[in-house]
Amino acid sequence: MTRKKDGIEPRGIRQTMSDLHTWVGLLAGWILYAMFLTGTVSYFKDETSQWMRPEMPHLAMMPDPAQVAQRVANTLGGIAAGSTQWSYDLPSARSGAHRRARRTSARFRKAGSIR
């Protein structure tokens, strides 16, 4: 290998590629770490919300899904009789609340949440 006049050897392609590999690997690793962390946090959103709001009562016993479905259908039948589409999620083991929504014209509006 030849030396420059000031005594510093020029960097070879192998060392340059090694440095590039290191920095690209670190950057990709941190991006993946951020993605996995935010995915984990969003998966446990309901549990985190319950933990952050201890004043909200947590249901110890699950309500009967048939009764909840009938109550939601009666409520939506009264307030959204002319809707083209209804949608609701029943309570699950992770969330004691149910969500309901209705479609009027071209927009999809949330009708609220009942516990």
PDB file of N, CA and C in Angstrom:
ATOM      1  N   MET A   1       0.835  -1.169   0.000  1.00  0.00           N
ATOM      2  CA  MET A   1       0.000   0.000   0.000  1.00  0.00           C
ATOM      3  C   MET A   1       0.890   1.246   0.000  1.00  0.00           C
ATOM      4  N   THR A   2       0.481   2.231  -0.695  1.00  0.00           N
ATOM      5  CA  THR A   2       1.274   3.460  -0.770  1.00  0.00           C
ATOM      6  C   THR A   2       0.874   4.401   0.340  1.00  0.00           C
ATOM      7  N   ARG A   3       1.832   5.186   0.764  1.00  0.00           N
ATOM      8  CA  ARG A   3       1.582   6.173   1.814  1.00  0.00           C
ATOM      9  C   ARG A   3       1.529   7.563   1.212  1.00  0.00           C
ATOM     10  N   LYS A   4       0.680   8.402   1.831  1.00  0.00           N
ATOM     11  CA  LYS A   4       0.639   9.806   1.411  1.00  0.00           C
ATOM     12  C   LYS A   4       1.806  10.539   2.016  1.00  0.00           C
ATOM     13  N   LYS A   5       1.971  11.766   1.637  1.00  0.00           N
ATOM     14  CA  LYS A   5       3.095  12.561   2.109  1.00  0.00           C
ATOM     15  C   LYS A   5       3.013  12.844   3.605  1.00  0.00           C
ATOM     16  N   ASP A   6       1.810  12.994   4.170  1.00  0.00           N
ATOM     17  CA  ASP A   6       1.695  13.337   5.593  1.00  0.00           C
ATOM     18  C   ASP A   6       1.707  12.118   6.505  1.00  0.00           C
ATOM     19  N   GLY A   7       1.851  10.903   5.998  1.00  0.00           N
ATOM     20  CA  GLY A   7       1.996   9.714   6.829  1.00  0.00           C
ATOM     21  C   GLY A   7       0.702   9.003   7.148  1.00  0.00           C
ATOM     22  N   ILE A   8      -0.430   9.448   6.607  1.00  0.00           N
ATOM     23  CA  ILE A   8      -1.714   8.803   6.871  1.00  0.00           C
ATOM     24  C   ILE A   8      -2.059   7.897   5.700  1.00  0.00           C
ATOM     25  N   GLU A   9      -2.388   6.652   6.019  1.00  0.00           N
ATOM     26  CA  GLU A   9      -2.751   5.712   4.968  1.00  0.00           C
ATOM     27  C   GLU A   9      -4.175   5.985   4.502  1.00  0.00           C
ATOM     28  N   PRO A  10      -4.452   5.860   3.209  1.00  0.00           N
ATOM     29  CA  PRO A  10      -5.836   6.022   2.741  1.00  0.00           C
ATOM     30  C   PRO A  10      -6.673   4.819   3.170  1.00  0.00           C
ATOM     31  N   ARG A  11      -7.961   5.057   3.422  1.00  0.00           N
ATOM     32  CA  ARG A  11      -8.863   3.980   3.849  1.00  0.00           C
ATOM     33  C   ARG A  11      -9.203   3.112   2.649  1.00  0.00           C
ATOM     34  N   GLY A  12      -9.244   1.855   2.868  1.00  0.00           N
ATOM     35  CA  GLY A  12      -9.578   0.919   1.803  1.00  0.00           C
ATOM     36  C   GLY A  12     -11.076   0.743   1.661  1.00  0.00           C
ATOM     37  N   ILE A  13     -11.482   0.115   0.586  1.00  0.00           N
ATOM     38  CA  ILE A  13     -12.896  -0.125   0.339  1.00  0.00           C
ATOM     39  C   ILE A  13     -13.492  -1.057   1.392  1.00  0.00           C
ATOM     40  N   ARG A  14     -12.696  -1.984   1.872  1.00  0.00           N
ATOM     41  CA  ARG A  14     -13.177  -2.933   2.877  1.00  0.00           C
ATOM     42  C   ARG A  14     -13.517  -2.217   4.192  1.00  0.00           C
ATOM     43  N   GLN A  15     -12.685  -1.305   4.638  1.00  0.00           N
ATOM     44  CA  GLN A  15     -12.952  -0.564   5.873  1.00  0.00           C
ATOM     45  C   GLN A  15     -14.148   0.376   5.697  1.00  0.00           C
ATOM     46  N   THR A  16     -14.257   1.000   4.535  1.00  0.00           N
ATOM     47  CA  THR A  16     -15.385   1.884   4.266  1.00  0.00           C
ATOM     48  C   THR A  16     -16.694   1.096   4.285  1.00  0.00           C
ATOM     49  N   MET A  17     -16.733  -0.061   3.652  1.00  0.00           N
ATOM     50  CA  MET A  17     -17.931  -0.894   3.642  1.00  0.00           C
ATOM     51  C   MET A  17     -18.258  -1.417   5.045  1.00  0.00           C
ATOM     52  N   SER A  18     -17.248  -1.702   5.830  1.00  0.00           N
ATOM     53  CA  SER A  18     -17.469  -2.165   7.198  1.00  0.00           C
ATOM     54  C   SER A  18     -18.130  -1.063   8.036  1.00  0.00           C
ATOM     55  N   ASP A  19     -17.653   0.159   7.900  1.00  0.00           N
ATOM     56  CA  ASP A  19     -18.262   1.282   8.626  1.00  0.00           C
ATOM     57  C   ASP A  19     -19.700   1.523   8.159  1.00  0.00           C
ATOM     58  N   LEU A  20     -19.918   1.453   6.854  1.00  0.00           N
ATOM     59  CA  LEU A  20     -21.257   1.638   6.309  1.00  0.00           C
ATOM     60  C   LEU A  20     -22.198   0.538   6.821  1.00  0.00           C
ATOM     61  N   HIS A  21     -21.738  -0.684   6.845  1.00  0.00           N
ATOM     62  CA  HIS A  21     -22.531  -1.816   7.339  1.00  0.00           C
ATOM     63  C   HIS A  21     -22.895  -1.610   8.805  1.00  0.00           C
ATOM     64  N   THR A  22     -21.974  -1.121   9.591  1.00  0.00           N
ATOM     65  CA  THR A  22     -22.235  -0.877  11.011  1.00  0.00           C
ATOM     66  C   THR A  22     -23.317   0.181  11.199  1.00  0.00           C
ATOM     67  N   TRP A  23     -23.195   1.307  10.512  1.00  0.00           N
ATOM     68  CA  TRP A  23     -24.142   2.397  10.704  1.00  0.00           C
ATOM     69  C   TRP A  23     -25.523   2.075  10.138  1.00  0.00           C
ATOM     70  N   VAL A  24     -25.590   1.402   9.002  1.00  0.00           N
ATOM     71  CA  VAL A  24     -26.879   1.010   8.444  1.00  0.00           C
ATOM     72  C   VAL A  24     -27.544  -0.020   9.363  1.00  0.00           C
ATOM     73  N   GLY A  25     -26.777  -0.942   9.910  1.00  0.00           N
ATOM     74  CA  GLY A  25     -27.327  -1.922  10.840  1.00  0.00           C
ATOM     75  C   GLY A  25     -27.867  -1.278  12.110  1.00  0.00           C
ATOM     76  N   LEU A  26     -27.136  -0.314  12.650  1.00  0.00           N
ATOM     77  CA  LEU A  26     -27.617   0.389  13.845  1.00  0.00           C
ATOM     78  C   LEU A  26     -28.894   1.170  13.552  1.00  0.00           C
ATOM     79  N   LEU A  27     -28.934   1.848  12.428  1.00  0.00           N
ATOM     80  CA  LEU A  27     -30.120   2.625  12.066  1.00  0.00           C
ATOM     81  C   LEU A  27     -31.328   1.707  11.870  1.00  0.00           C
ATOM     82  N   ALA A  28     -31.151   0.620  11.144  1.00  0.00           N
ATOM     83  CA  ALA A  28     -32.252  -0.321  10.930  1.00  0.00           C
ATOM     84  C   ALA A  28     -32.700  -0.952  12.255  1.00  0.00           C
ATOM     85  N   GLY A  29     -31.757  -1.257  13.127  1.00  0.00           N
ATOM     86  CA  GLY A  29     -32.101  -1.831  14.428  1.00  0.00           C
ATOM     87  C   GLY A  29     -32.939  -0.891  15.269  1.00  0.00           C
ATOM     88  N   TRP A  30     -32.588   0.377  15.305  1.00  0.00           N
ATOM     89  CA  TRP A  30     -33.357   1.348  16.090  1.00  0.00           C
ATOM     90  C   TRP A  30     -34.736   1.588  15.489  1.00  0.00           C
ATOM     91  N   ILE A  31     -34.834   1.575  14.163  1.00  0.00           N
ATOM     92  CA  ILE A  31     -36.148   1.737  13.531  1.00  0.00           C
ATOM     93  C   ILE A  31     -37.042   0.543  13.872  1.00  0.00           C
ATOM     94  N   LEU A  32     -36.503  -0.667  13.794  1.00  0.00           N
ATOM     95  CA  LEU A  32     -37.285  -1.854  14.148  1.00  0.00           C
ATOM     96  C   LEU A  32     -37.666  -1.848  15.630  1.00  0.00           C
ATOM     97  N   TYR A  33     -36.753  -1.405  16.479  1.00  0.00           N
ATOM     98  CA  TYR A  33     -37.049  -1.321  17.911  1.00  0.00           C
ATOM     99  C   TYR A  33     -38.222  -0.367  18.148  1.00  0.00           C
ATOM    100  N   ALA A  34     -38.202   0.788  17.491  1.00  0.00           N
ATOM    101  CA  ALA A  34     -39.297   1.750  17.653  1.00  0.00           C
ATOM    102  C   ALA A  34     -40.618   1.172  17.147  1.00  0.00           C
ATOM    103  N   MET A  35     -40.567   0.445  16.031  1.00  0.00           N
ATOM    104  CA  MET A  35     -41.792  -0.162  15.503  1.00  0.00           C
ATOM    105  C   MET A  35     -42.352  -1.213  16.459  1.00  0.00           C
ATOM    106  N   PHE A  36     -41.511  -2.076  16.983  1.00  0.00           N
ATOM    107  CA  PHE A  36     -41.980  -3.118  17.898  1.00  0.00           C
ATOM    108  C   PHE A  36     -42.489  -2.519  19.203  1.00  0.00           C
ATOM    109  N   LEU A  37     -41.824  -1.490  19.706  1.00  0.00           N
ATOM    110  CA  LEU A  37     -42.252  -0.851  20.945  1.00  0.00           C
ATOM    111  C   LEU A  37     -43.624  -0.204  20.783  1.00  0.00           C
ATOM    112  N   THR A  38     -43.819   0.562  19.713  1.00  0.00           N
ATOM    113  CA  THR A  38     -45.116   1.211  19.512  1.00  0.00           C
ATOM    114  C   THR A  38     -46.212   0.186  19.227  1.00  0.00           C
ATOM    115  N   GLY A  39     -45.877  -0.906  18.545  1.00  0.00           N
ATOM    116  CA  GLY A  39     -46.866  -1.958  18.313  1.00  0.00           C
ATOM    117  C   GLY A  39     -47.300  -2.621  19.600  1.00  0.00           C
ATOM    118  N   THR A  40     -46.351  -2.863  20.493  1.00  0.00           N
ATOM    119  CA  THR A  40     -46.668  -3.469  21.782  1.00  0.00           C
ATOM    120  C   THR A  40     -47.519  -2.539  22.628  1.00  0.00           C
ATOM    121  N   VAL A  41     -47.176  -1.266  22.636  1.00  0.00           N
ATOM    122  CA  VAL A  41     -47.947  -0.296  23.409  1.00  0.00           C
ATOM    123  C   VAL A  41     -49.371  -0.193  22.867  1.00  0.00           C
ATOM    124  N   SER A  42     -49.536  -0.184  21.549  1.00  0.00           N
ATOM    125  CA  SER A  42     -50.883  -0.065  20.992  1.00  0.00           C
ATOM    126  C   SER A  42     -51.701  -1.332  21.228  1.00  0.00           C
ATOM    127  N   TYR A  43     -51.059  -2.494  21.306  1.00  0.00           N
ATOM    128  CA  TYR A  43     -51.793  -3.735  21.569  1.00  0.00           C
ATOM    129  C   TYR A  43     -52.407  -3.727  22.973  1.00  0.00           C
ATOM    130  N   PHE A  44     -51.687  -3.170  23.925  1.00  0.00           N
ATOM    131  CA  PHE A  44     -52.165  -3.121  25.306  1.00  0.00           C
ATOM    132  C   PHE A  44     -52.826  -1.788  25.633  1.00  0.00           C
ATOM    133  N   LYS A  45     -53.432  -1.134  24.637  1.00  0.00           N
ATOM    134  CA  LYS A  45     -54.056   0.178  24.825  1.00  0.00           C
ATOM    135  C   LYS A  45     -55.182   0.138  25.851  1.00  0.00           C
ATOM    136  N   ASP A  46     -56.034  -0.882  25.782  1.00  0.00           N
ATOM    137  CA  ASP A  46     -57.165  -0.952  26.716  1.00  0.00           C
ATOM    138  C   ASP A  46     -56.692  -1.134  28.155  1.00  0.00           C
ATOM    139  N   GLU A  47     -55.719  -2.015  28.354  1.00  0.00           N
ATOM    140  CA  GLU A  47     -55.201  -2.234  29.701  1.00  0.00           C
ATOM    141  C   GLU A  47     -54.488  -0.992  30.230  1.00  0.00           C
ATOM    142  N   THR A  48     -53.754  -0.314  29.373  1.00  0.00           N
ATOM    143  CA  THR A  48     -53.061   0.910  29.783  1.00  0.00           C
ATOM    144  C   THR A  48     -54.065   2.000  30.129  1.00  0.00           C
ATOM    145  N   SER A  49     -55.129   2.116  29.352  1.00  0.00           N
ATOM    146  CA  SER A  49     -56.162   3.114  29.639  1.00  0.00           C
ATOM    147  C   SER A  49     -56.831   2.830  30.979  1.00  0.00           C
ATOM    148  N   GLN A  50     -57.117   1.561  31.254  1.00  0.00           N
ATOM    149  CA  GLN A  50     -57.714   1.205  32.543  1.00  0.00           C
ATOM    150  C   GLN A  50     -56.761   1.515  33.690  1.00  0.00           C
ATOM    151  N   TRP A  51     -55.475   1.262  33.487  1.00  0.00           N
ATOM    152  CA  TRP A  51     -54.473   1.531  34.527  1.00  0.00           C
ATOM    153  C   TRP A  51     -54.316   3.031  34.760  1.00  0.00           C
ATOM    154  N   MET A  52     -54.418   3.832  33.686  1.00  0.00           N
ATOM    155  CA  MET A  52     -54.244   5.281  33.806  1.00  0.00           C
ATOM    156  C   MET A  52     -55.473   5.965  34.407  1.00  0.00           C
ATOM    157  N   ARG A  53     -56.640   5.303  34.362  1.00  0.00           N
ATOM    158  CA  ARG A  53     -57.870   5.882  34.906  1.00  0.00           C
ATOM    159  C   ARG A  53     -58.450   4.968  35.974  1.00  0.00           C
ATOM    160  N   PRO A  54     -57.856   4.926  37.147  1.00  0.00           N
ATOM    161  CA  PRO A  54     -58.373   4.008  38.177  1.00  0.00           C
ATOM    162  C   PRO A  54     -59.746   4.410  38.703  1.00  0.00           C
ATOM    163  N   GLU A  55     -60.172   5.649  38.465  1.00  0.00           N
ATOM    164  CA  GLU A  55     -61.481   6.068  38.957  1.00  0.00           C
ATOM    165  C   GLU A  55     -62.614   5.452  38.142  1.00  0.00           C
ATOM    166  N   MET A  56     -62.322   4.994  36.937  1.00  0.00           N
ATOM    167  CA  MET A  56     -63.335   4.332  36.112  1.00  0.00           C
ATOM    168  C   MET A  56     -63.526   2.904  36.618  1.00  0.00           C
ATOM    169  N   PRO A  57     -64.744   2.492  36.824  1.00  0.00           N
ATOM    170  CA  PRO A  57     -64.960   1.131  37.340  1.00  0.00           C
ATOM    171  C   PRO A  57     -64.604   0.082  36.291  1.00  0.00           C
ATOM    172  N   HIS A  58     -63.998  -0.975  36.738  1.00  0.00           N
ATOM    173  CA  HIS A  58     -63.688  -2.101  35.865  1.00  0.00           C
ATOM    174  C   HIS A  58     -64.696  -3.197  36.137  1.00  0.00           C
ATOM    175  N   LEU A  59     -65.270  -3.732  35.069  1.00  0.00           N
ATOM    176  CA  LEU A  59     -66.298  -4.754  35.249  1.00  0.00           C
ATOM    177  C   LEU A  59     -65.664  -6.067  35.693  1.00  0.00           C
ATOM    178  N   ALA A  60     -66.075  -6.545  36.843  1.00  0.00           N
ATOM    179  CA  ALA A  60     -65.560  -7.821  37.334  1.00  0.00           C
ATOM    180  C   ALA A  60     -66.255  -8.979  36.632  1.00  0.00           C
ATOM    181  N   MET A  61     -67.503  -8.743  36.235  1.00  0.00           N
ATOM    182  CA  MET A  61     -68.260  -9.786  35.566  1.00  0.00           C
ATOM    183  C   MET A  61     -68.682  -9.277  34.193  1.00  0.00           C
ATOM    184  N   MET A  62     -68.551 -10.117  33.196  1.00  0.00           N
ATOM    185  CA  MET A  62     -68.941  -9.726  31.842  1.00  0.00           C
ATOM    186  C   MET A  62     -70.464  -9.697  31.736  1.00  0.00           C
ATOM    187  N   PRO A  63     -71.018  -8.648  31.101  1.00  0.00           N
ATOM    188  CA  PRO A  63     -72.470  -8.638  30.900  1.00  0.00           C
ATOM    189  C   PRO A  63     -72.866  -9.690  29.854  1.00  0.00           C
ATOM    190  N   ASP A  64     -74.109 -10.073  29.868  1.00  0.00           N
ATOM    191  CA  ASP A  64     -74.606 -11.065  28.920  1.00  0.00           C
ATOM    192  C   ASP A  64     -74.602 -10.459  27.514  1.00  0.00           C
ATOM    193  N   PRO A  65     -73.892 -11.063  26.562  1.00  0.00           N
ATOM    194  CA  PRO A  65     -73.803 -10.491  25.216  1.00  0.00           C
ATOM    195  C   PRO A  65     -75.157 -10.354  24.525  1.00  0.00           C
ATOM    196  N   ALA A  66     -76.075 -11.275  24.769  1.00  0.00           N
ATOM    197  CA  ALA A  66     -77.393 -11.190  24.132  1.00  0.00           C
ATOM    198  C   ALA A  66     -78.164  -9.966  24.620  1.00  0.00           C
ATOM    199  N   GLN A  67     -78.090  -9.698  25.925  1.00  0.00           N
ATOM    200  CA  GLN A  67     -78.776  -8.520  26.474  1.00  0.00           C
ATOM    201  C   GLN A  67     -78.149  -7.232  25.956  1.00  0.00           C
ATOM    202  N   VAL A  68     -76.823  -7.204  25.879  1.00  0.00           N
ATOM    203  CA  VAL A  68     -76.142  -6.014  25.382  1.00  0.00           C
ATOM    204  C   VAL A  68     -76.503  -5.778  23.921  1.00  0.00           C
ATOM    205  N   ALA A  69     -76.515  -6.837  23.115  1.00  0.00           N
ATOM    206  CA  ALA A  69     -76.849  -6.699  21.701  1.00  0.00           C
ATOM    207  C   ALA A  69     -78.284  -6.200  21.528  1.00  0.00           C
ATOM    208  N   GLN A  70     -79.210  -6.708  22.333  1.00  0.00           N
ATOM    209  CA  GLN A  70     -80.597  -6.257  22.234  1.00  0.00           C
ATOM    210  C   GLN A  70     -80.729  -4.793  22.647  1.00  0.00           C
ATOM    211  N   ARG A  71     -80.010  -4.399  23.714  1.00  0.00           N
ATOM    212  CA  ARG A  71     -80.065  -3.004  24.165  1.00  0.00           C
ATOM    213  C   ARG A  71     -79.492  -2.062  23.116  1.00  0.00           C
ATOM    214  N   VAL A  72     -78.374  -2.461  22.484  1.00  0.00           N
ATOM    215  CA  VAL A  72     -77.769  -1.630  21.431  1.00  0.00           C
ATOM    216  C   VAL A  72     -78.702  -1.549  20.229  1.00  0.00           C
ATOM    217  N   ALA A  73     -79.307  -2.671  19.840  1.00  0.00           N
ATOM    218  CA  ALA A  73     -80.222  -2.662  18.698  1.00  0.00           C
ATOM    219  C   ALA A  73     -81.439  -1.776  18.972  1.00  0.00           C
ATOM    220  N   ASN A  74     -81.965  -1.827  20.187  1.00  0.00           N
ATOM    221  CA  ASN A  74     -83.101  -0.964  20.539  1.00  0.00           C
ATOM    222  C   ASN A  74     -82.701   0.505  20.511  1.00  0.00           C
ATOM    223  N   THR A  75     -81.528   0.810  21.056  1.00  0.00           N
ATOM    224  CA  THR A  75     -81.052   2.199  21.075  1.00  0.00           C
ATOM    225  C   THR A  75     -80.831   2.713  19.662  1.00  0.00           C
ATOM    226  N   LEU A  76     -80.134   1.930  18.836  1.00  0.00           N
ATOM    227  CA  LEU A  76     -79.885   2.367  17.460  1.00  0.00           C
ATOM    228  C   LEU A  76     -81.178   2.430  16.655  1.00  0.00           C
ATOM    229  N   GLY A  77     -82.122   1.551  16.940  1.00  0.00           N
ATOM    230  CA  GLY A  77     -83.408   1.604  16.248  1.00  0.00           C
ATOM    231  C   GLY A  77     -84.161   2.883  16.553  1.00  0.00           C
ATOM    232  N   GLY A  78     -83.957   3.421  17.740  1.00  0.00           N
ATOM    233  CA  GLY A  78     -84.642   4.662  18.100  1.00  0.00           C
ATOM    234  C   GLY A  78     -83.957   5.905  17.585  1.00  0.00           C
ATOM    235  N   ILE A  79     -82.638   5.940  17.647  1.00  0.00           N
ATOM    236  CA  ILE A  79     -81.932   7.179  17.266  1.00  0.00           C
ATOM    237  C   ILE A  79     -81.418   7.170  15.832  1.00  0.00           C
ATOM    238  N   ALA A  80     -81.363   5.990  15.210  1.00  0.00           N
ATOM    239  CA  ALA A  80     -80.823   5.908  13.860  1.00  0.00           C
ATOM    240  C   ALA A  80     -81.685   5.018  12.980  1.00  0.00           C
ATOM    241  N   ALA A  81     -82.992   5.262  13.003  1.00  0.00           N
ATOM    242  CA  ALA A  81     -83.906   4.401  12.260  1.00  0.00           C
ATOM    243  C   ALA A  81     -83.686   4.496  10.756  1.00  0.00           C
ATOM    244  N   GLY A  82     -83.283   5.641  10.251  1.00  0.00           N
ATOM    245  CA  GLY A  82     -83.097   5.822   8.815  1.00  0.00           C
ATOM    246  C   GLY A  82     -81.689   5.539   8.330  1.00  0.00           C
ATOM    247  N   SER A  83     -80.842   4.980   9.167  1.00  0.00           N
ATOM    248  CA  SER A  83     -79.455   4.721   8.776  1.00  0.00           C
ATOM    249  C   SER A  83     -79.377   3.574   7.782  1.00  0.00           C
ATOM    250  N   THR A  84     -78.394   3.668   6.904  1.00  0.00           N
ATOM    251  CA  THR A  84     -78.214   2.603   5.913  1.00  0.00           C
ATOM    252  C   THR A  84     -77.392   1.448   6.471  1.00  0.00           C
ATOM    253  N   GLN A  85     -76.622   1.691   7.524  1.00  0.00           N
ATOM    254  CA  GLN A  85     -75.783   0.630   8.074  1.00  0.00           C
ATOM    255  C   GLN A  85     -75.537   0.874   9.557  1.00  0.00           C
ATOM    256  N   TRP A  86     -75.601  -0.187  10.354  1.00  0.00           N
ATOM    257  CA  TRP A  86     -75.243  -0.151  11.764  1.00  0.00           C
ATOM    258  C   TRP A  86     -74.032  -1.022  11.969  1.00  0.00           C
ATOM    259  N   SER A  87     -73.240  -0.688  12.968  1.00  0.00           N
ATOM    260  CA  SER A  87     -72.092  -1.513  13.322  1.00  0.00           C
ATOM    261  C   SER A  87     -71.865  -1.378  14.817  1.00  0.00           C
ATOM    262  N   TYR A  88     -71.665  -2.519  15.489  1.00  0.00           N
ATOM    263  CA  TYR A  88     -71.343  -2.452  16.910  1.00  0.00           C
ATOM    264  C   TYR A  88     -70.488  -3.630  17.316  1.00  0.00           C
ATOM    265  N   ASP A  89     -69.620  -3.395  18.306  1.00  0.00           N
ATOM    266  CA  ASP A  89     -68.750  -4.411  18.879  1.00  0.00           C
ATOM    267  C   ASP A  89     -69.238  -4.705  20.288  1.00  0.00           C
ATOM    268  N   LEU A  90     -69.423  -5.967  20.588  1.00  0.00           N
ATOM    269  CA  LEU A  90     -69.866  -6.363  21.926  1.00  0.00           C
ATOM    270  C   LEU A  90     -68.695  -6.348  22.903  1.00  0.00           C
ATOM    271  N   PRO A  91     -68.970  -6.270  24.208  1.00  0.00           N
ATOM    272  CA  PRO A  91     -67.893  -6.299  25.201  1.00  0.00           C
ATOM    273  C   PRO A  91     -67.096  -7.593  25.118  1.00  0.00           C
ATOM    274  N   SER A  92     -65.814  -7.483  25.388  1.00  0.00           N
ATOM    275  CA  SER A  92     -64.950  -8.664  25.380  1.00  0.00           C
ATOM    276  C   SER A  92     -64.220  -8.743  26.719  1.00  0.00           C
ATOM    277  N   ALA A  93     -63.381  -9.736  26.854  1.00  0.00           N
ATOM    278  CA  ALA A  93     -62.625  -9.892  28.095  1.00  0.00           C
ATOM    279  C   ALA A  93     -61.634  -8.745  28.290  1.00  0.00           C
ATOM    280  N   ARG A  94     -61.175  -8.137  27.202  1.00  0.00           N
ATOM    281  CA  ARG A  94     -60.205  -7.047  27.300  1.00  0.00           C
ATOM    282  C   ARG A  94     -60.870  -5.702  27.540  1.00  0.00           C
ATOM    283  N   SER A  95     -62.092  -5.531  27.056  1.00  0.00           N
ATOM    284  CA  SER A  95     -62.777  -4.254  27.181  1.00  0.00           C
ATOM    285  C   SER A  95     -64.217  -4.503  27.599  1.00  0.00           C
ATOM    286  N   GLY A  96     -64.626  -3.861  28.668  1.00  0.00           N
ATOM    287  CA  GLY A  96     -65.984  -4.038  29.165  1.00  0.00           C
ATOM    288  C   GLY A  96     -67.000  -3.172  28.446  1.00  0.00           C
ATOM    289  N   ALA A  97     -66.550  -2.284  27.588  1.00  0.00           N
ATOM    290  CA  ALA A  97     -67.452  -1.383  26.876  1.00  0.00           C
ATOM    291  C   ALA A  97     -67.726  -1.924  25.478  1.00  0.00           C
ATOM    292  N   HIS A  98     -68.817  -1.475  24.913  1.00  0.00           N
ATOM    293  CA  HIS A  98     -69.069  -1.810  23.510  1.00  0.00           C
ATOM    294  C   HIS A  98     -69.086  -0.518  22.715  1.00  0.00           C
ATOM    295  N   ARG A  99     -68.816  -0.637  21.449  1.00  0.00           N
ATOM    296  CA  ARG A  99     -68.794   0.524  20.568  1.00  0.00           C
ATOM    297  C   ARG A  99     -69.890   0.353  19.532  1.00  0.00           C
ATOM    298  N   ARG A 100     -70.501   1.456  19.163  1.00  0.00           N
ATOM    299  CA  ARG A 100     -71.540   1.399  18.144  1.00  0.00           C
ATOM    300  C   ARG A 100     -71.322   2.533  17.161  1.00  0.00           C
ATOM    301  N   ALA A 101     -71.738   2.323  15.944  1.00  0.00           N
ATOM    302  CA  ALA A 101     -71.615   3.342  14.905  1.00  0.00           C
ATOM    303  C   ALA A 101     -72.742   3.146  13.906  1.00  0.00           C
ATOM    304  N   ARG A 102     -73.003   4.187  13.146  1.00  0.00           N
ATOM    305  CA  ARG A 102     -74.047   4.104  12.122  1.00  0.00           C
ATOM    306  C   ARG A 102     -73.598   4.871  10.897  1.00  0.00           C
ATOM    307  N   ARG A 103     -74.131   4.480   9.758  1.00  0.00           N
ATOM    308  CA  ARG A 103     -73.802   5.165   8.507  1.00  0.00           C
ATOM    309  C   ARG A 103     -75.040   5.925   8.051  1.00  0.00           C
ATOM    310  N   THR A 104     -74.847   7.220   7.867  1.00  0.00           N
ATOM    311  CA  THR A 104     -75.903   8.053   7.311  1.00  0.00           C
ATOM    312  C   THR A 104     -75.340   8.707   6.061  1.00  0.00           C
ATOM    313  N   SER A 105     -76.020   8.610   5.005  1.00  0.00           N
ATOM    314  CA  SER A 105     -75.602   9.081   3.678  1.00  0.00           C
ATOM    315  C   SER A 105     -74.234   8.492   3.346  1.00  0.00           C
ATOM    316  N   ALA A 106     -73.239   9.343   3.090  1.00  0.00           N
ATOM    317  CA  ALA A 106     -71.919   8.822   2.687  1.00  0.00           C
ATOM    318  C   ALA A 106     -70.930   8.785   3.842  1.00  0.00           C
ATOM    319  N   ARG A 107     -71.287   9.381   4.967  1.00  0.00           N
ATOM    320  CA  ARG A 107     -70.345   9.441   6.090  1.00  0.00           C
ATOM    321  C   ARG A 107     -70.657   8.377   7.119  1.00  0.00           C
ATOM    322  N   PHE A 108     -69.624   7.944   7.809  1.00  0.00           N
ATOM    323  CA  PHE A 108     -69.761   6.932   8.862  1.00  0.00           C
ATOM    324  C   PHE A 108     -69.555   7.648  10.181  1.00  0.00           C
ATOM    325  N   ARG A 109     -70.612   7.826  10.984  1.00  0.00           N
ATOM    326  CA  ARG A 109     -70.526   8.578  12.222  1.00  0.00           C
ATOM    327  C   ARG A 109     -70.553   7.644  13.402  1.00  0.00           C
ATOM    328  N   LYS A 110     -69.741   7.977  14.406  1.00  0.00           N
ATOM    329  CA  LYS A 110     -69.772   7.195  15.641  1.00  0.00           C
ATOM    330  C   LYS A 110     -70.930   7.685  16.501  1.00  0.00           C
ATOM    331  N   ALA A 111     -71.686   6.729  16.995  1.00  0.00           N
ATOM    332  CA  ALA A 111     -72.864   7.088  17.791  1.00  0.00           C
ATOM    333  C   ALA A 111     -72.529   7.125  19.273  1.00  0.00           C
ATOM    334  N   GLY A 112     -71.405   6.614  19.689  1.00  0.00           N
ATOM    335  CA  GLY A 112     -71.022   6.686  21.089  1.00  0.00           C
ATOM    336  C   GLY A 112     -70.684   5.330  21.659  1.00  0.00           C
ATOM    337  N   SER A 113     -70.499   5.315  22.958  1.00  0.00           N
ATOM    338  CA  SER A 113     -70.126   4.095  23.661  1.00  0.00           C
ATOM    339  C   SER A 113     -70.963   3.983  24.916  1.00  0.00           C
ATOM    340  N   ILE A 114     -71.458   2.800  25.174  1.00  0.00           N
ATOM    341  CA  ILE A 114     -72.269   2.551  26.369  1.00  0.00           C
ATOM    342  C   ILE A 114     -71.596   1.495  27.192  1.00  0.00           C
ATOM    343  N   ARG A 115     -71.559   1.664  28.480  1.00  0.00           N
ATOM    344  CA  ARG A 115     -70.995   0.654  29.371  1.00  0.00           C
ATOM    345  C   ARG A 115     -72.090  -0.201  29.913  1.00  0.00           C
TER     346      ARG A 115
END
